[in-house]
Amino acid sequence: AASIISLATACAMGLQSAVMLHLNASSTTYVTGVLAAFARDVATPRRPPSSPPRPAGKEGFVWLVYFAGAVGGAWLFLRHGPPVMMLPLACLAAAALLAARSA
């Protein structure tokens, strides 16, 4: 039952990303949206030289960062256990403080 729910959720997110890309709107499923944008930019034929290029490399780089974060987080968790899960919260709190300070 859990695998069916996961499959249905993944399909819904993929469809949502595809619709948002088709409408050239902001993606509300950011991770899958970046992957869908990367696939679109790689698969789209080259445009005329007068049109601005699509930054396909940007989405690919973002996915490399996601992958590095996932691998690094898993490695830290295996080495140091559950306390490592506080690291993302600390980063989020630091970012919120910096944003509040500059506002």
Foldseek 3Di string as FASTA:
>chain_A
DVVVVVVVVVVVLLVQLVVCVVVVHDRPSPLVVLVVVLVCLVPDDDDPPVDDHDPSVVSVVVVVVVVVVVVVLVVCCVVPNDVSVCVVVVVVVVVVVVVVVVD
